[in-house]
Amino acid sequence: MRFDIRCLHLDNSEHVDQHARERLTSALSHFQSRIERVDVLLDDLHGVKHGTERCCTVRVTVTGANDVLVQHVDPDIYHAIDDAARRVKRTVRRRINRRRDIAHHRSVNARHAA
């Protein structure tokens, strides 16, 4: 599982980067063999204006399925990362289970047709 984490307009970007890496690694560890890549963009939506919206966008490339894209906005970048990690875990699980269910359904139908 390869990570690419980019921080834009954020203070303490090294600490934020490490937090994102730990949370997402933990959230996706169960699916590690099915995940090719995780791209993360952490951004302060207002940049130098110091607004109150921090955004965590996560794109997960899953082998044999469409990419999963999750975005979460929160005043605290750490909460945005935590919530995005929870959502991406749920979404990846559903995507993998859906692919497995479709494959199972097709094999059962093929056996009955023969």
N, C-alpha and C. Protein backbone atom coordinates (compact mmCIF):
# COMPACT_ATOMS: atom_id res chain seq x y z
N MET A 1 0.86 -1.17 0.00
CA MET A 1 0.00 0.00 0.00
C MET A 1 0.91 1.23 0.00
N ARG A 2 0.85 1.98 -1.07
CA ARG A 2 1.67 3.19 -1.20
C ARG A 2 0.87 4.41 -0.78
N PHE A 3 1.53 5.32 -0.08
CA PHE A 3 0.91 6.56 0.38
C PHE A 3 1.52 7.75 -0.33
N ASP A 4 0.68 8.71 -0.68
CA ASP A 4 1.14 10.01 -1.14
C ASP A 4 0.29 11.03 -0.38
N ILE A 5 0.93 11.75 0.55
CA ILE A 5 0.22 12.72 1.38
C ILE A 5 0.77 14.10 1.08
N ARG A 6 -0.14 15.00 0.73
CA ARG A 6 0.26 16.39 0.47
C ARG A 6 -0.50 17.31 1.41
N CYS A 7 0.21 18.29 1.95
CA CYS A 7 -0.37 19.29 2.84
C CYS A 7 -0.26 20.66 2.18
N LEU A 8 -1.36 21.37 2.11
CA LEU A 8 -1.38 22.72 1.54
C LEU A 8 -1.88 23.71 2.58
N HIS A 9 -1.15 24.78 2.75
CA HIS A 9 -1.57 25.89 3.62
C HIS A 9 -1.78 25.47 5.07
N LEU A 10 -1.02 24.50 5.57
CA LEU A 10 -1.20 24.03 6.95
C LEU A 10 0.09 24.22 7.74
N ASP A 11 -0.06 24.65 9.00
CA ASP A 11 1.07 24.68 9.92
C ASP A 11 1.29 23.27 10.45
N ASN A 12 2.48 23.00 10.93
CA ASN A 12 2.83 21.68 11.49
C ASN A 12 2.53 20.55 10.51
N SER A 13 2.83 20.76 9.25
CA SER A 13 2.47 19.78 8.23
C SER A 13 3.13 18.41 8.46
N GLU A 14 4.32 18.38 9.06
CA GLU A 14 4.96 17.09 9.33
C GLU A 14 4.16 16.28 10.35
N HIS A 15 3.69 16.93 11.40
CA HIS A 15 2.89 16.25 12.42
C HIS A 15 1.54 15.83 11.84
N VAL A 16 0.94 16.69 11.05
CA VAL A 16 -0.35 16.38 10.42
C VAL A 16 -0.17 15.21 9.45
N ASP A 17 0.90 15.23 8.68
CA ASP A 17 1.21 14.15 7.74
C ASP A 17 1.32 12.82 8.48
N GLN A 18 2.04 12.80 9.58
CA GLN A 18 2.21 11.58 10.37
C GLN A 18 0.89 11.09 10.94
N HIS A 19 0.06 12.01 11.42
CA HIS A 19 -1.26 11.64 11.95
C HIS A 19 -2.11 10.98 10.86
N ALA A 20 -2.11 11.59 9.67
CA ALA A 20 -2.89 11.03 8.55
C ALA A 20 -2.39 9.64 8.18
N ARG A 21 -1.09 9.48 8.10
CA ARG A 21 -0.50 8.18 7.74
C ARG A 21 -0.89 7.11 8.76
N GLU A 22 -0.80 7.43 10.05
CA GLU A 22 -1.14 6.46 11.10
C GLU A 22 -2.62 6.09 11.07
N ARG A 23 -3.48 7.09 10.97
CA ARG A 23 -4.93 6.83 10.98
C ARG A 23 -5.37 6.02 9.77
N LEU A 24 -4.87 6.37 8.60
CA LEU A 24 -5.29 5.66 7.39
C LEU A 24 -4.69 4.27 7.31
N THR A 25 -3.46 4.11 7.76
CA THR A 25 -2.85 2.78 7.81
C THR A 25 -3.66 1.87 8.72
N SER A 26 -4.04 2.39 9.87
CA SER A 26 -4.85 1.62 10.81
C SER A 26 -6.22 1.29 10.22
N ALA A 27 -6.87 2.26 9.61
CA ALA A 27 -8.21 2.07 9.07
C ALA A 27 -8.22 1.07 7.91
N LEU A 28 -7.16 1.05 7.11
CA LEU A 28 -7.15 0.23 5.91
C LEU A 28 -6.31 -1.04 6.02
N SER A 29 -5.75 -1.32 7.19
CA SER A 29 -4.83 -2.45 7.34
C SER A 29 -5.49 -3.79 6.98
N HIS A 30 -6.77 -3.94 7.26
CA HIS A 30 -7.48 -5.18 6.97
C HIS A 30 -7.56 -5.44 5.47
N PHE A 31 -7.54 -4.38 4.67
CA PHE A 31 -7.70 -4.49 3.22
C PHE A 31 -6.38 -4.29 2.47
N GLN A 32 -5.29 -4.32 3.19
CA GLN A 32 -3.98 -3.96 2.63
C GLN A 32 -3.65 -4.70 1.34
N SER A 33 -3.99 -5.96 1.24
CA SER A 33 -3.66 -6.73 0.05
C SER A 33 -4.47 -6.30 -1.18
N ARG A 34 -5.59 -5.63 -0.97
CA ARG A 34 -6.46 -5.19 -2.08
C ARG A 34 -6.25 -3.74 -2.46
N ILE A 35 -5.43 -3.01 -1.70
CA ILE A 35 -5.24 -1.59 -1.95
C ILE A 35 -3.89 -1.35 -2.60
N GLU A 36 -3.92 -0.67 -3.73
CA GLU A 36 -2.69 -0.36 -4.44
C GLU A 36 -2.08 0.95 -3.94
N ARG A 37 -2.92 1.93 -3.71
CA ARG A 37 -2.41 3.27 -3.43
C ARG A 37 -3.42 4.08 -2.64
N VAL A 38 -2.90 4.99 -1.79
CA VAL A 38 -3.73 5.91 -1.03
C VAL A 38 -3.16 7.31 -1.25
N ASP A 39 -3.97 8.18 -1.83
CA ASP A 39 -3.58 9.58 -2.06
C ASP A 39 -4.38 10.46 -1.11
N VAL A 40 -3.68 11.33 -0.39
CA VAL A 40 -4.33 12.19 0.60
C VAL A 40 -3.94 13.64 0.32
N LEU A 41 -4.94 14.50 0.34
CA LEU A 41 -4.71 15.94 0.23
C LEU A 41 -5.29 16.59 1.47
N LEU A 42 -4.45 17.27 2.22
CA LEU A 42 -4.86 17.99 3.43
C LEU A 42 -4.71 19.47 3.13
N ASP A 43 -5.79 20.22 3.34
CA ASP A 43 -5.77 21.61 2.90
C ASP A 43 -6.56 22.49 3.84
N ASP A 44 -6.09 23.72 3.99
CA ASP A 44 -6.84 24.78 4.64
C ASP A 44 -7.57 25.48 3.51
N LEU A 45 -8.88 25.35 3.46
CA LEU A 45 -9.64 25.85 2.31
C LEU A 45 -9.55 27.36 2.14
N HIS A 46 -9.19 28.08 3.20
CA HIS A 46 -9.11 29.54 3.11
C HIS A 46 -7.67 30.04 3.04
N GLY A 47 -6.71 29.13 3.06
CA GLY A 47 -5.31 29.50 2.92
C GLY A 47 -4.87 30.54 3.92
N VAL A 48 -4.26 31.60 3.42
CA VAL A 48 -3.68 32.62 4.29
C VAL A 48 -4.74 33.44 5.03
N LYS A 49 -6.00 33.32 4.65
CA LYS A 49 -7.07 34.06 5.34
C LYS A 49 -7.36 33.46 6.71
N HIS A 50 -6.84 32.27 6.96
CA HIS A 50 -7.04 31.56 8.24
C HIS A 50 -8.51 31.36 8.56
N GLY A 51 -9.23 30.83 7.59
CA GLY A 51 -10.63 30.49 7.81
C GLY A 51 -10.73 29.26 8.70
N THR A 52 -11.92 28.79 8.86
CA THR A 52 -12.14 27.69 9.80
C THR A 52 -12.47 26.37 9.12
N GLU A 53 -12.15 26.22 7.85
CA GLU A 53 -12.46 24.97 7.18
C GLU A 53 -11.17 24.29 6.73
N ARG A 54 -10.92 23.11 7.33
CA ARG A 54 -9.80 22.28 6.93
C ARG A 54 -10.39 21.07 6.24
N CYS A 55 -9.74 20.62 5.18
CA CYS A 55 -10.30 19.55 4.36
C CYS A 55 -9.32 18.39 4.23
N CYS A 56 -9.85 17.19 4.36
CA CYS A 56 -9.07 15.97 4.13
C CYS A 56 -9.75 15.20 2.99
N THR A 57 -9.04 15.07 1.89
CA THR A 57 -9.55 14.32 0.73
C THR A 57 -8.69 13.08 0.58
N VAL A 58 -9.35 11.92 0.51
CA VAL A 58 -8.64 10.64 0.40
C VAL A 58 -9.15 9.90 -0.83
N ARG A 59 -8.21 9.47 -1.67
CA ARG A 59 -8.55 8.62 -2.82
C ARG A 59 -7.80 7.30 -2.64
N VAL A 60 -8.55 6.19 -2.64
CA VAL A 60 -7.97 4.87 -2.46
C VAL A 60 -8.16 4.09 -3.77
N THR A 61 -7.05 3.58 -4.29
CA THR A 61 -7.10 2.75 -5.49
C THR A 61 -7.17 1.30 -5.05
N VAL A 62 -8.32 0.67 -5.34
CA VAL A 62 -8.60 -0.70 -4.93
C VAL A 62 -8.42 -1.61 -6.14
N THR A 63 -7.68 -2.68 -5.99
CA THR A 63 -7.47 -3.63 -7.07
C THR A 63 -8.79 -4.24 -7.51
N GLY A 64 -9.07 -4.15 -8.79
CA GLY A 64 -10.28 -4.77 -9.35
C GLY A 64 -11.57 -4.03 -9.08
N ALA A 65 -11.50 -2.79 -8.63
CA ALA A 65 -12.71 -2.02 -8.35
C ALA A 65 -12.45 -0.55 -8.65
N ASN A 66 -13.52 0.23 -8.69
CA ASN A 66 -13.36 1.66 -8.88
C ASN A 66 -12.69 2.29 -7.67
N ASP A 67 -12.03 3.41 -7.90
CA ASP A 67 -11.42 4.14 -6.79
C ASP A 67 -12.47 4.60 -5.80
N VAL A 68 -12.05 4.73 -4.56
CA VAL A 68 -12.91 5.26 -3.50
C VAL A 68 -12.42 6.66 -3.21
N LEU A 69 -13.34 7.62 -3.22
CA LEU A 69 -13.01 9.01 -2.95
C LEU A 69 -13.86 9.51 -1.79
N VAL A 70 -13.19 10.00 -0.74
CA VAL A 70 -13.87 10.51 0.44
C VAL A 70 -13.29 11.88 0.77
N GLN A 71 -14.17 12.80 1.13
CA GLN A 71 -13.72 14.13 1.52
C GLN A 71 -14.46 14.53 2.80
N HIS A 72 -13.72 15.09 3.74
CA HIS A 72 -14.35 15.56 4.98
C HIS A 72 -13.79 16.92 5.34
N VAL A 73 -14.68 17.84 5.71
CA VAL A 73 -14.31 19.20 6.09
C VAL A 73 -14.66 19.41 7.56
N ASP A 74 -13.72 20.00 8.30
CA ASP A 74 -13.91 20.25 9.73
C ASP A 74 -13.01 21.41 10.13
N PRO A 75 -13.36 22.17 11.14
CA PRO A 75 -12.47 23.24 11.59
C PRO A 75 -11.12 22.73 12.08
N ASP A 76 -11.07 21.50 12.58
CA ASP A 76 -9.83 20.91 13.09
C ASP A 76 -9.35 19.86 12.10
N ILE A 77 -8.15 20.03 11.56
CA ILE A 77 -7.64 19.10 10.54
C ILE A 77 -7.51 17.69 11.09
N TYR A 78 -7.22 17.54 12.37
CA TYR A 78 -7.09 16.20 12.96
C TYR A 78 -8.45 15.49 12.98
N HIS A 79 -9.52 16.22 13.27
CA HIS A 79 -10.86 15.63 13.22
C HIS A 79 -11.25 15.31 11.79
N ALA A 80 -10.88 16.17 10.86
CA ALA A 80 -11.16 15.90 9.44
C ALA A 80 -10.48 14.61 9.00
N ILE A 81 -9.24 14.40 9.42
CA ILE A 81 -8.50 13.18 9.08
C ILE A 81 -9.17 11.97 9.71
N ASP A 82 -9.50 12.05 10.99
CA ASP A 82 -10.11 10.93 11.70
C ASP A 82 -11.44 10.53 11.06
N ASP A 83 -12.29 11.52 10.76
CA ASP A 83 -13.59 11.22 10.15
C ASP A 83 -13.43 10.68 8.74
N ALA A 84 -12.50 11.23 7.97
CA ALA A 84 -12.25 10.72 6.62
C ALA A 84 -11.75 9.28 6.68
N ALA A 85 -10.89 8.96 7.65
CA ALA A 85 -10.38 7.59 7.79
C ALA A 85 -11.51 6.62 8.11
N ARG A 86 -12.42 7.00 8.99
CA ARG A 86 -13.57 6.14 9.31
C ARG A 86 -14.45 5.93 8.08
N ARG A 87 -14.71 7.00 7.36
CA ARG A 87 -15.57 6.90 6.17
C ARG A 87 -14.91 6.08 5.06
N VAL A 88 -13.60 6.26 4.86
CA VAL A 88 -12.93 5.52 3.80
C VAL A 88 -12.87 4.03 4.15
N LYS A 89 -12.72 3.70 5.41
CA LYS A 89 -12.72 2.29 5.83
C LYS A 89 -14.07 1.65 5.50
N ARG A 90 -15.15 2.33 5.87
CA ARG A 90 -16.50 1.82 5.60
C ARG A 90 -16.74 1.66 4.09
N THR A 91 -16.33 2.66 3.33
CA THR A 91 -16.58 2.66 1.90
C THR A 91 -15.75 1.58 1.19
N VAL A 92 -14.50 1.44 1.56
CA VAL A 92 -13.66 0.39 0.97
C VAL A 92 -14.22 -0.99 1.31
N ARG A 93 -14.64 -1.18 2.55
CA ARG A 93 -15.23 -2.47 2.94
C ARG A 93 -16.45 -2.78 2.08
N ARG A 94 -17.34 -1.80 1.91
CA ARG A 94 -18.54 -2.01 1.08
C ARG A 94 -18.16 -2.31 -0.36
N ARG A 95 -17.19 -1.57 -0.89
CA ARG A 95 -16.78 -1.77 -2.29
C ARG A 95 -16.22 -3.16 -2.50
N ILE A 96 -15.38 -3.64 -1.58
CA ILE A 96 -14.79 -4.98 -1.70
C ILE A 96 -15.85 -6.04 -1.52
N ASN A 97 -16.74 -5.87 -0.55
CA ASN A 97 -17.81 -6.85 -0.33
C ASN A 97 -18.75 -6.91 -1.52
N ARG A 98 -19.05 -5.78 -2.11
CA ARG A 98 -19.93 -5.74 -3.27
C ARG A 98 -19.31 -6.52 -4.43
N ARG A 99 -18.01 -6.33 -4.65
CA ARG A 99 -17.32 -7.06 -5.72
C ARG A 99 -17.34 -8.56 -5.44
N ARG A 100 -17.15 -8.94 -4.18
CA ARG A 100 -17.15 -10.35 -3.81
C ARG A 100 -18.55 -10.95 -3.98
N ASP A 101 -19.58 -10.19 -3.58
CA ASP A 101 -20.96 -10.67 -3.73
C ASP A 101 -21.34 -10.85 -5.20
N ILE A 102 -20.92 -9.93 -6.04
CA ILE A 102 -21.22 -10.03 -7.47
C ILE A 102 -20.54 -11.25 -8.06
N ALA A 103 -19.27 -11.46 -7.72
CA ALA A 103 -18.53 -12.63 -8.22
C ALA A 103 -19.18 -13.92 -7.75
N HIS A 104 -19.60 -13.97 -6.49
CA HIS A 104 -20.26 -15.16 -5.95
C HIS A 104 -21.58 -15.40 -6.67
N HIS A 105 -22.36 -14.36 -6.87
CA HIS A 105 -23.66 -14.46 -7.54
C HIS A 105 -23.48 -15.00 -8.97
N ARG A 106 -22.46 -14.50 -9.66
CA ARG A 106 -22.21 -14.96 -11.03
C ARG A 106 -21.80 -16.44 -11.06
N SER A 107 -20.97 -16.85 -10.10
CA SER A 107 -20.54 -18.26 -10.10
C SER A 107 -21.70 -19.20 -9.77
N VAL A 108 -22.58 -18.78 -8.88
CA VAL A 108 -23.74 -19.59 -8.53
C VAL A 108 -24.67 -19.70 -9.73
N ASN A 109 -24.90 -18.61 -10.43
CA ASN A 109 -25.76 -18.63 -11.60
C ASN A 109 -25.16 -19.49 -12.72
N ALA A 110 -23.84 -19.46 -12.87
CA ALA A 110 -23.18 -20.25 -13.89
C ALA A 110 -23.32 -21.74 -13.59
N ARG A 111 -23.23 -22.11 -12.32
CA ARG A 111 -23.38 -23.53 -11.95
C ARG A 111 -24.81 -24.01 -12.19
N HIS A 112 -25.79 -23.16 -11.91
CA HIS A 112 -27.18 -23.54 -12.11
C HIS A 112 -27.55 -23.60 -13.58
N ALA A 113 -26.92 -22.81 -14.41
CA ALA A 113 -27.20 -22.78 -15.83
C ALA A 113 -26.62 -24.00 -16.54
N ALA A 114 -25.58 -24.57 -15.97
CA ALA A 114 -24.90 -25.70 -16.64
C ALA A 114 -25.59 -27.02 -16.42
